[in-house]
Amino acid sequence: MDRTNIGFMGTMVRHGNAVGVVIGTGENTEFGVVFRLMRDVEEKKTPLQLKMDQLSKQLSTISFGVIAVIFLAGAARGHPSQIASGVPPLG
């Protein structure tokens, strides 16, 4: 299709007058075609992203383990409700 004298969305106009007719909206525009193509592309993670995901899982597991140990140590002392608040036990 010949596409002369067509103004696309995002086209900068510096001056002048014009009258236009909308010939497509949404996915029926050039931007819509590009969007559809990008949506269908499978996003693959880079090796760095895969390593970062693995590291974050390991750090989360370690963090939860440390939190559990601290909580259990406080519970063994008989004051589990005061562990999180940082209030020393009375008496």
PDB file of N, CA and C in Angstrom:
ATOM      1  N   MET A   1       0.856  -1.172   0.000  1.00  0.00           N
ATOM      2  CA  MET A   1       0.000   0.000   0.000  1.00  0.00           C
ATOM      3  C   MET A   1       0.900   1.233   0.000  1.00  0.00           C
ATOM      4  N   ASP A   2       0.559   2.190  -0.794  1.00  0.00           N
ATOM      5  CA  ASP A   2       1.300   3.446  -0.869  1.00  0.00           C
ATOM      6  C   ASP A   2       0.944   4.299   0.334  1.00  0.00           C
ATOM      7  N   ARG A   3       1.954   4.750   1.054  1.00  0.00           N
ATOM      8  CA  ARG A   3       1.707   5.489   2.300  1.00  0.00           C
ATOM      9  C   ARG A   3       2.289   6.890   2.226  1.00  0.00           C
ATOM     10  N   THR A   4       1.909   7.632   1.245  1.00  0.00           N
ATOM     11  CA  THR A   4       2.343   9.021   1.164  1.00  0.00           C
ATOM     12  C   THR A   4       1.297   9.894   1.825  1.00  0.00           C
ATOM     13  N   ASN A   5       1.749  11.021   2.341  1.00  0.00           N
ATOM     14  CA  ASN A   5       0.854  11.982   2.986  1.00  0.00           C
ATOM     15  C   ASN A   5       0.091  11.379   4.162  1.00  0.00           C
ATOM     16  N   ILE A   6       0.770  10.565   4.954  1.00  0.00           N
ATOM     17  CA  ILE A   6       0.152   9.975   6.138  1.00  0.00           C
ATOM     18  C   ILE A   6       0.914  10.485   7.360  1.00  0.00           C
ATOM     19  N   GLY A   7       0.172  10.940   8.349  1.00  0.00           N
ATOM     20  CA  GLY A   7       0.775  11.348   9.613  1.00  0.00           C
ATOM     21  C   GLY A   7       0.539  10.274  10.648  1.00  0.00           C
ATOM     22  N   PHE A   8       1.613   9.749  11.196  1.00  0.00           N
ATOM     23  CA  PHE A   8       1.508   8.716  12.215  1.00  0.00           C
ATOM     24  C   PHE A   8       1.495   9.346  13.601  1.00  0.00           C
ATOM     25  N   MET A   9       0.944   8.617  14.575  1.00  0.00           N
ATOM     26  CA  MET A   9       0.958   9.093  15.939  1.00  0.00           C
ATOM     27  C   MET A   9       2.410   9.326  16.359  1.00  0.00           C
ATOM     28  N   GLY A  10       2.662  10.431  17.014  1.00  0.00           N
ATOM     29  CA  GLY A  10       4.011  10.742  17.431  1.00  0.00           C
ATOM     30  C   GLY A  10       4.770  11.571  16.411  1.00  0.00           C
ATOM     31  N   THR A  11       4.180  11.832  15.252  1.00  0.00           N
ATOM     32  CA  THR A  11       4.835  12.656  14.244  1.00  0.00           C
ATOM     33  C   THR A  11       4.829  14.105  14.699  1.00  0.00           C
ATOM     34  N   MET A  12       5.987  14.752  14.659  1.00  0.00           N
ATOM     35  CA  MET A  12       6.079  16.146  15.073  1.00  0.00           C
ATOM     36  C   MET A  12       5.740  17.046  13.879  1.00  0.00           C
ATOM     37  N   VAL A  13       4.834  17.966  14.119  1.00  0.00           N
ATOM     38  CA  VAL A  13       4.459  18.939  13.101  1.00  0.00           C
ATOM     39  C   VAL A  13       4.914  20.301  13.593  1.00  0.00           C
ATOM     40  N   ARG A  14       5.679  20.991  12.774  1.00  0.00           N
ATOM     41  CA  ARG A  14       6.240  22.278  13.201  1.00  0.00           C
ATOM     42  C   ARG A  14       5.296  23.438  12.957  1.00  0.00           C
ATOM     43  N   HIS A  15       4.581  23.428  11.859  1.00  0.00           N
ATOM     44  CA  HIS A  15       3.613  24.495  11.590  1.00  0.00           C
ATOM     45  C   HIS A  15       2.707  24.060  10.446  1.00  0.00           C
ATOM     46  N   GLY A  16       1.619  24.782  10.283  1.00  0.00           N
ATOM     47  CA  GLY A  16       0.697  24.500   9.180  1.00  0.00           C
ATOM     48  C   GLY A  16      -0.656  24.044   9.662  1.00  0.00           C
ATOM     49  N   ASN A  17      -1.507  23.801   8.717  1.00  0.00           N
ATOM     50  CA  ASN A  17      -2.874  23.344   8.971  1.00  0.00           C
ATOM     51  C   ASN A  17      -3.086  22.025   8.256  1.00  0.00           C
ATOM     52  N   ALA A  18      -3.940  21.208   8.816  1.00  0.00           N
ATOM     53  CA  ALA A  18      -4.234  19.929   8.170  1.00  0.00           C
ATOM     54  C   ALA A  18      -5.570  19.410   8.647  1.00  0.00           C
ATOM     55  N   VAL A  19      -6.143  18.575   7.843  1.00  0.00           N
ATOM     56  CA  VAL A  19      -7.346  17.842   8.193  1.00  0.00           C
ATOM     57  C   VAL A  19      -6.993  16.378   7.979  1.00  0.00           C
ATOM     58  N   GLY A  20      -7.361  15.538   8.941  1.00  0.00           N
ATOM     59  CA  GLY A  20      -6.986  14.140   8.817  1.00  0.00           C
ATOM     60  C   GLY A  20      -8.147  13.206   9.000  1.00  0.00           C
ATOM     61  N   VAL A  21      -7.957  12.012   8.528  1.00  0.00           N
ATOM     62  CA  VAL A  21      -8.941  10.952   8.673  1.00  0.00           C
ATOM     63  C   VAL A  21      -8.239   9.800   9.390  1.00  0.00           C
ATOM     64  N   VAL A  22      -8.842   9.302  10.444  1.00  0.00           N
ATOM     65  CA  VAL A  22      -8.274   8.180  11.185  1.00  0.00           C
ATOM     66  C   VAL A  22      -8.505   6.918  10.379  1.00  0.00           C
ATOM     67  N   ILE A  23      -7.411   6.192  10.116  1.00  0.00           N
ATOM     68  CA  ILE A  23      -7.550   4.968   9.319  1.00  0.00           C
ATOM     69  C   ILE A  23      -7.265   3.714  10.135  1.00  0.00           C
ATOM     70  N   GLY A  24      -6.896   3.899  11.400  1.00  0.00           N
ATOM     71  CA  GLY A  24      -6.659   2.732  12.246  1.00  0.00           C
ATOM     72  C   GLY A  24      -6.420   3.151  13.684  1.00  0.00           C
ATOM     73  N   THR A  25      -6.881   2.314  14.609  1.00  0.00           N
ATOM     74  CA  THR A  25      -6.654   2.567  16.036  1.00  0.00           C
ATOM     75  C   THR A  25      -6.184   1.266  16.685  1.00  0.00           C
ATOM     76  N   GLY A  26      -5.559   1.419  17.833  1.00  0.00           N
ATOM     77  CA  GLY A  26      -5.129   0.248  18.605  1.00  0.00           C
ATOM     78  C   GLY A  26      -4.143  -0.612  17.852  1.00  0.00           C
ATOM     79  N   GLU A  27      -4.425  -1.910  17.761  1.00  0.00           N
ATOM     80  CA  GLU A  27      -3.522  -2.837  17.089  1.00  0.00           C
ATOM     81  C   GLU A  27      -3.583  -2.719  15.570  1.00  0.00           C
ATOM     82  N   ASN A  28      -4.473  -1.912  15.063  1.00  0.00           N
ATOM     83  CA  ASN A  28      -4.585  -1.721  13.620  1.00  0.00           C
ATOM     84  C   ASN A  28      -3.768  -0.526  13.141  1.00  0.00           C
ATOM     85  N   THR A  29      -2.750  -0.142  13.908  1.00  0.00           N
ATOM     86  CA  THR A  29      -1.861   0.944  13.530  1.00  0.00           C
ATOM     87  C   THR A  29      -0.446   0.391  13.391  1.00  0.00           C
ATOM     88  N   GLU A  30       0.478   1.223  12.916  1.00  0.00           N
ATOM     89  CA  GLU A  30       1.868   0.786  12.806  1.00  0.00           C
ATOM     90  C   GLU A  30       2.444   0.478  14.181  1.00  0.00           C
ATOM     91  N   PHE A  31       2.108   1.298  15.190  1.00  0.00           N
ATOM     92  CA  PHE A  31       2.557   1.016  16.548  1.00  0.00           C
ATOM     93  C   PHE A  31       1.953  -0.288  17.046  1.00  0.00           C
ATOM     94  N   GLY A  32       0.720  -0.550  16.688  1.00  0.00           N
ATOM     95  CA  GLY A  32       0.067  -1.788  17.081  1.00  0.00           C
ATOM     96  C   GLY A  32       0.747  -3.011  16.492  1.00  0.00           C
ATOM     97  N   VAL A  33       1.197  -2.890  15.248  1.00  0.00           N
ATOM     98  CA  VAL A  33       1.909  -4.000  14.603  1.00  0.00           C
ATOM     99  C   VAL A  33       3.214  -4.282  15.346  1.00  0.00           C
ATOM    100  N   VAL A  34       3.956  -3.223  15.661  1.00  0.00           N
ATOM    101  CA  VAL A  34       5.213  -3.385  16.395  1.00  0.00           C
ATOM    102  C   VAL A  34       4.943  -3.983  17.772  1.00  0.00           C
ATOM    103  N   PHE A  35       3.911  -3.494  18.464  1.00  0.00           N
ATOM    104  CA  PHE A  35       3.560  -4.007  19.780  1.00  0.00           C
ATOM    105  C   PHE A  35       3.233  -5.501  19.699  1.00  0.00           C
ATOM    106  N   ARG A  36       2.469  -5.893  18.700  1.00  0.00           N
ATOM    107  CA  ARG A  36       2.095  -7.293  18.533  1.00  0.00           C
ATOM    108  C   ARG A  36       3.338  -8.158  18.307  1.00  0.00           C
ATOM    109  N   LEU A  37       4.280  -7.663  17.495  1.00  0.00           N
ATOM    110  CA  LEU A  37       5.503  -8.413  17.244  1.00  0.00           C
ATOM    111  C   LEU A  37       6.331  -8.556  18.516  1.00  0.00           C
ATOM    112  N   MET A  38       6.403  -7.491  19.303  1.00  0.00           N
ATOM    113  CA  MET A  38       7.180  -7.537  20.543  1.00  0.00           C
ATOM    114  C   MET A  38       6.522  -8.436  21.581  1.00  0.00           C
ATOM    115  N   ARG A  39       5.204  -8.451  21.608  1.00  0.00           N
ATOM    116  CA  ARG A  39       4.476  -9.268  22.576  1.00  0.00           C
ATOM    117  C   ARG A  39       4.699 -10.756  22.303  1.00  0.00           C
ATOM    118  N   ASP A  40       4.850 -11.115  21.033  1.00  0.00           N
ATOM    119  CA  ASP A  40       4.999 -12.515  20.664  1.00  0.00           C
ATOM    120  C   ASP A  40       6.420 -13.040  20.832  1.00  0.00           C
ATOM    121  N   VAL A  41       7.381 -12.139  21.083  1.00  0.00           N
ATOM    122  CA  VAL A  41       8.767 -12.556  21.253  1.00  0.00           C
ATOM    123  C   VAL A  41       8.953 -13.085  22.671  1.00  0.00           C
ATOM    124  N   GLU A  42       9.542 -14.257  22.771  1.00  0.00           N
ATOM    125  CA  GLU A  42       9.798 -14.845  24.087  1.00  0.00           C
ATOM    126  C   GLU A  42      11.026 -14.177  24.686  1.00  0.00           C
ATOM    127  N   GLU A  43      10.879 -13.675  25.893  1.00  0.00           N
ATOM    128  CA  GLU A  43      11.975 -12.990  26.556  1.00  0.00           C
ATOM    129  C   GLU A  43      12.848 -14.006  27.266  1.00  0.00           C
ATOM    130  N   LYS A  44      14.098 -14.075  26.838  1.00  0.00           N
ATOM    131  CA  LYS A  44      15.040 -15.008  27.458  1.00  0.00           C
ATOM    132  C   LYS A  44      15.940 -14.232  28.403  1.00  0.00           C
ATOM    133  N   LYS A  45      16.274 -14.871  29.520  1.00  0.00           N
ATOM    134  CA  LYS A  45      17.143 -14.236  30.500  1.00  0.00           C
ATOM    135  C   LYS A  45      18.602 -14.454  30.127  1.00  0.00           C
ATOM    136  N   THR A  46      19.415 -13.450  30.421  1.00  0.00           N
ATOM    137  CA  THR A  46      20.843 -13.550  30.174  1.00  0.00           C
ATOM    138  C   THR A  46      21.476 -14.410  31.265  1.00  0.00           C
ATOM    139  N   PRO A  47      22.683 -14.912  31.028  1.00  0.00           N
ATOM    140  CA  PRO A  47      23.357 -15.693  32.076  1.00  0.00           C
ATOM    141  C   PRO A  47      23.517 -14.904  33.380  1.00  0.00           C
ATOM    142  N   LEU A  48      23.765 -13.602  33.276  1.00  0.00           N
ATOM    143  CA  LEU A  48      23.881 -12.781  34.484  1.00  0.00           C
ATOM    144  C   LEU A  48      22.558 -12.746  35.247  1.00  0.00           C
ATOM    145  N   GLN A  49      21.442 -12.596  34.531  1.00  0.00           N
ATOM    146  CA  GLN A  49      20.135 -12.585  35.187  1.00  0.00           C
ATOM    147  C   GLN A  49      19.849 -13.919  35.863  1.00  0.00           C
ATOM    148  N   LEU A  50      20.231 -15.015  35.220  1.00  0.00           N
ATOM    149  CA  LEU A  50      20.021 -16.334  35.818  1.00  0.00           C
ATOM    150  C   LEU A  50      20.846 -16.491  37.097  1.00  0.00           C
ATOM    151  N   LYS A  51      22.101 -16.029  37.073  1.00  0.00           N
ATOM    152  CA  LYS A  51      22.948 -16.090  38.264  1.00  0.00           C
ATOM    153  C   LYS A  51      22.394 -15.205  39.376  1.00  0.00           C
ATOM    154  N   MET A  52      21.903 -14.019  39.016  1.00  0.00           N
ATOM    155  CA  MET A  52      21.327 -13.111  40.018  1.00  0.00           C
ATOM    156  C   MET A  52      20.080 -13.725  40.646  1.00  0.00           C
ATOM    157  N   ASP A  53      19.248 -14.388  39.848  1.00  0.00           N
ATOM    158  CA  ASP A  53      18.066 -15.068  40.386  1.00  0.00           C
ATOM    159  C   ASP A  53      18.479 -16.153  41.381  1.00  0.00           C
ATOM    160  N   GLN A  54      19.505 -16.918  41.007  1.00  0.00           N
ATOM    161  CA  GLN A  54      19.991 -17.986  41.882  1.00  0.00           C
ATOM    162  C   GLN A  54      20.545 -17.395  43.181  1.00  0.00           C
ATOM    163  N   LEU A  55      21.315 -16.329  43.075  1.00  0.00           N
ATOM    164  CA  LEU A  55      21.882 -15.689  44.257  1.00  0.00           C
ATOM    165  C   LEU A  55      20.795 -15.136  45.168  1.00  0.00           C
ATOM    166  N   SER A  56      19.782 -14.509  44.591  1.00  0.00           N
ATOM    167  CA  SER A  56      18.707 -13.945  45.418  1.00  0.00           C
ATOM    168  C   SER A  56      17.943 -15.039  46.148  1.00  0.00           C
ATOM    169  N   LYS A  57      17.742 -16.181  45.518  1.00  0.00           N
ATOM    170  CA  LYS A  57      17.072 -17.299  46.192  1.00  0.00           C
ATOM    171  C   LYS A  57      17.927 -17.817  47.353  1.00  0.00           C
ATOM    172  N   GLN A  58      19.234 -17.916  47.119  1.00  0.00           N
ATOM    173  CA  GLN A  58      20.121 -18.389  48.181  1.00  0.00           C
ATOM    174  C   GLN A  58      20.149 -17.406  49.351  1.00  0.00           C
ATOM    175  N   LEU A  59      20.231 -16.112  49.058  1.00  0.00           N
ATOM    176  CA  LEU A  59      20.250 -15.107  50.122  1.00  0.00           C
ATOM    177  C   LEU A  59      18.935 -15.088  50.893  1.00  0.00           C
ATOM    178  N   SER A  60      17.823 -15.259  50.194  1.00  0.00           N
ATOM    179  CA  SER A  60      16.525 -15.312  50.873  1.00  0.00           C
ATOM    180  C   SER A  60      16.452 -16.509  51.807  1.00  0.00           C
ATOM    181  N   THR A  61      16.913 -17.657  51.337  1.00  0.00           N
ATOM    182  CA  THR A  61      16.895 -18.863  52.164  1.00  0.00           C
ATOM    183  C   THR A  61      17.765 -18.678  53.407  1.00  0.00           C
ATOM    184  N   ILE A  62      18.957 -18.124  53.217  1.00  0.00           N
ATOM    185  CA  ILE A  62      19.854 -17.889  54.352  1.00  0.00           C
ATOM    186  C   ILE A  62      19.225 -16.902  55.333  1.00  0.00           C
ATOM    187  N   SER A  63      18.626 -15.829  54.815  1.00  0.00           N
ATOM    188  CA  SER A  63      18.001 -14.819  55.674  1.00  0.00           C
ATOM    189  C   SER A  63      16.880 -15.424  56.506  1.00  0.00           C
ATOM    190  N   PHE A  64      16.006 -16.201  55.872  1.00  0.00           N
ATOM    191  CA  PHE A  64      14.913 -16.822  56.611  1.00  0.00           C
ATOM    192  C   PHE A  64      15.449 -17.811  57.645  1.00  0.00           C
ATOM    193  N   GLY A  65      16.542 -18.503  57.307  1.00  0.00           N
ATOM    194  CA  GLY A  65      17.155 -19.420  58.263  1.00  0.00           C
ATOM    195  C   GLY A  65      17.683 -18.684  59.488  1.00  0.00           C
ATOM    196  N   VAL A  66      18.362 -17.561  59.270  1.00  0.00           N
ATOM    197  CA  VAL A  66      18.895 -16.777  60.380  1.00  0.00           C
ATOM    198  C   VAL A  66      17.756 -16.226  61.241  1.00  0.00           C
ATOM    199  N   ILE A  67      16.703 -15.743  60.600  1.00  0.00           N
ATOM    200  CA  ILE A  67      15.540 -15.234  61.335  1.00  0.00           C
ATOM    201  C   ILE A  67      14.919 -16.343  62.185  1.00  0.00           C
ATOM    202  N   ALA A  68      14.804 -17.539  61.605  1.00  0.00           N
ATOM    203  CA  ALA A  68      14.220 -18.662  62.345  1.00  0.00           C
ATOM    204  C   ALA A  68      15.080 -19.023  63.559  1.00  0.00           C
ATOM    205  N   VAL A  69      16.391 -19.024  63.381  1.00  0.00           N
ATOM    206  CA  VAL A  69      17.292 -19.355  64.496  1.00  0.00           C
ATOM    207  C   VAL A  69      17.153 -18.318  65.612  1.00  0.00           C
ATOM    208  N   ILE A  70      17.115 -17.045  65.246  1.00  0.00           N
ATOM    209  CA  ILE A  70      16.963 -15.987  66.244  1.00  0.00           C
ATOM    210  C   ILE A  70      15.631 -16.127  66.984  1.00  0.00           C
ATOM    211  N   PHE A  71      14.566 -16.399  66.237  1.00  0.00           N
ATOM    212  CA  PHE A  71      13.250 -16.556  66.858  1.00  0.00           C
ATOM    213  C   PHE A  71      13.235 -17.762  67.808  1.00  0.00           C
ATOM    214  N   LEU A  72      13.784 -18.871  67.337  1.00  0.00           N
ATOM    215  CA  LEU A  72      13.796 -20.074  68.180  1.00  0.00           C
ATOM    216  C   LEU A  72      14.664 -19.880  69.414  1.00  0.00           C
ATOM    217  N   ALA A  73      15.764 -19.147  69.287  1.00  0.00           N
ATOM    218  CA  ALA A  73      16.613 -18.872  70.447  1.00  0.00           C
ATOM    219  C   ALA A  73      15.850 -18.040  71.470  1.00  0.00           C
ATOM    220  N   GLY A  74      15.092 -17.067  70.990  1.00  0.00           N
ATOM    221  CA  GLY A  74      14.279 -16.256  71.894  1.00  0.00           C
ATOM    222  C   GLY A  74      13.166 -17.070  72.524  1.00  0.00           C
ATOM    223  N   ALA A  75      12.552 -17.931  71.722  1.00  0.00           N
ATOM    224  CA  ALA A  75      11.475 -18.770  72.251  1.00  0.00           C
ATOM    225  C   ALA A  75      12.020 -19.723  73.308  1.00  0.00           C
ATOM    226  N   ALA A  76      13.226 -20.219  73.122  1.00  0.00           N
ATOM    227  CA  ALA A  76      13.835 -21.124  74.103  1.00  0.00           C
ATOM    228  C   ALA A  76      14.098 -20.399  75.415  1.00  0.00           C
ATOM    229  N   ARG A  77      14.339 -19.101  75.330  1.00  0.00           N
ATOM    230  CA  ARG A  77      14.553 -18.317  76.546  1.00  0.00           C
ATOM    231  C   ARG A  77      13.227 -17.981  77.225  1.00  0.00           C
ATOM    232  N   GLY A  78      12.098 -18.221  76.538  1.00  0.00           N
ATOM    233  CA  GLY A  78      10.787 -18.014  77.134  1.00  0.00           C
ATOM    234  C   GLY A  78      10.162 -16.674  76.841  1.00  0.00           C
ATOM    235  N   HIS A  79      10.699 -15.922  75.904  1.00  0.00           N
ATOM    236  CA  HIS A  79      10.162 -14.601  75.610  1.00  0.00           C
ATOM    237  C   HIS A  79      10.012 -14.363  74.102  1.00  0.00           C
ATOM    238  N   PRO A  80       9.266 -15.187  73.373  1.00  0.00           N
ATOM    239  CA  PRO A  80       9.177 -15.029  71.916  1.00  0.00           C
ATOM    240  C   PRO A  80       8.461 -13.750  71.489  1.00  0.00           C
ATOM    241  N   SER A  81       7.538 -13.228  72.301  1.00  0.00           N
ATOM    242  CA  SER A  81       6.806 -12.029  71.904  1.00  0.00           C
ATOM    243  C   SER A  81       7.667 -10.785  71.982  1.00  0.00           C
ATOM    244  N   GLN A  82       8.745 -10.833  72.757  1.00  0.00           N
ATOM    245  CA  GLN A  82       9.564  -9.655  72.941  1.00  0.00           C
ATOM    246  C   GLN A  82      10.789  -9.643  72.022  1.00  0.00           C
ATOM    247  N   ILE A  83      10.963 -10.672  71.222  1.00  0.00           N
ATOM    248  CA  ILE A  83      12.095 -10.721  70.310  1.00  0.00           C
ATOM    249  C   ILE A  83      11.977  -9.635  69.257  1.00  0.00           C
ATOM    250  N   ALA A  84      10.822  -9.558  68.610  1.00  0.00           N
ATOM    251  CA  ALA A  84      10.635  -8.619  67.508  1.00  0.00           C
ATOM    252  C   ALA A  84      10.640  -7.174  67.991  1.00  0.00           C
ATOM    253  N   SER A  85      10.109  -6.926  69.169  1.00  0.00           N
ATOM    254  CA  SER A  85      10.021  -5.547  69.657  1.00  0.00           C
ATOM    255  C   SER A  85      11.333  -5.022  70.201  1.00  0.00           C
ATOM    256  N   GLY A  86      12.230  -5.901  70.571  1.00  0.00           N
ATOM    257  CA  GLY A  86      13.505  -5.483  71.128  1.00  0.00           C
ATOM    258  C   GLY A  86      13.414  -5.065  72.582  1.00  0.00           C
ATOM    259  N   VAL A  87      12.256  -5.329  73.209  1.00  0.00           N
ATOM    260  CA  VAL A  87      12.068  -4.969  74.617  1.00  0.00           C
ATOM    261  C   VAL A  87      12.686  -6.054  75.474  1.00  0.00           C
ATOM    262  N   PRO A  88      13.554  -5.697  76.413  1.00  0.00           N
ATOM    263  CA  PRO A  88      14.145  -6.727  77.276  1.00  0.00           C
ATOM    264  C   PRO A  88      13.085  -7.318  78.208  1.00  0.00           C
ATOM    265  N   PRO A  89      13.208  -8.578  78.556  1.00  0.00           N
ATOM    266  CA  PRO A  89      12.217  -9.207  79.447  1.00  0.00           C
ATOM    267  C   PRO A  89      12.254  -8.600  80.839  1.00  0.00           C
ATOM    268  N   LEU A  90      11.079  -8.555  81.456  1.00  0.00           N
ATOM    269  CA  LEU A  90      10.978  -8.041  82.822  1.00  0.00           C
ATOM    270  C   LEU A  90      11.413  -9.123  83.794  1.00  0.00           C
ATOM    271  N   GLY A  91      12.122  -8.707  84.833  1.00  0.00           N
ATOM    272  CA  GLY A  91      12.486  -9.617  85.913  1.00  0.00           C
ATOM    273  C   GLY A  91      13.633 -10.426  85.600  1.00  0.00           C
TER     274      GLY A  91
END
